Amino acid sequence: MSSTSEIVSLVDMEECHINNTYRWLCDSSELREQVDCLQAPTEEGNRAYWYLRREDGRREDYAIVTSSDNKHIGNCGLCDLDPLRQKAQLWIYLGESFGKGVGPVAAAQLINRGFCQLNLERIYLRAVANNLRALHFYRKLGFVEEGRFRRDTLVDGQPMDIVCMAILRSEYVTNT
């Protein structure tokens, strides 16, 4: 990888990452909206959420940490891993260090893992339709909008669409 890709690393989620995640979700209604979390979590609820996911063999969850000082700045992962159908759902968010180029680097590492190590054919995602920044981010990574789930979630108590996007292995190889 180039030196730019070395600004962040993906590491397995640990206890300290769960604590930071809880703090970020409590502090930011914008982040809760981005990740489709309807309300601020409780500390116990957040811990139970992540512990349940640790046991789920159909997902890989990572903390995004800065390579220079190992600071936890976000989370990402692949869920609904389906090796037989060669697909998975990508998710990513930053709790800190916005606008510094770390999101695209972390996402590229995750996409590379999906296509090159897990042999996936398709990586898809769901984004809240009013999150224009996220939609732009995913398009720049090569994701293509495939459709919408109409009125699939609530934002501030109002029904909101979810945009479905995906990138195929053939598109990824062409764009790298």
Foldseek 3Di string as FASTA:
>chain_A
DDPLLQQKDWDADDPVLLVVVLVLQQVDLPVCVFVQNPHRDDSVRSVVVVVVVVPDPQKGKTFIATNVPRHGFWIKIWGNHDLVQQETEIDIDTSDDPPPPNVLSVVVVRVCCSCPVSVGFKYKYKGWPVPVVVVVSVVVQPKDWDDKDFQPGDDVNGRTIITMIMDGSVSNVVVD
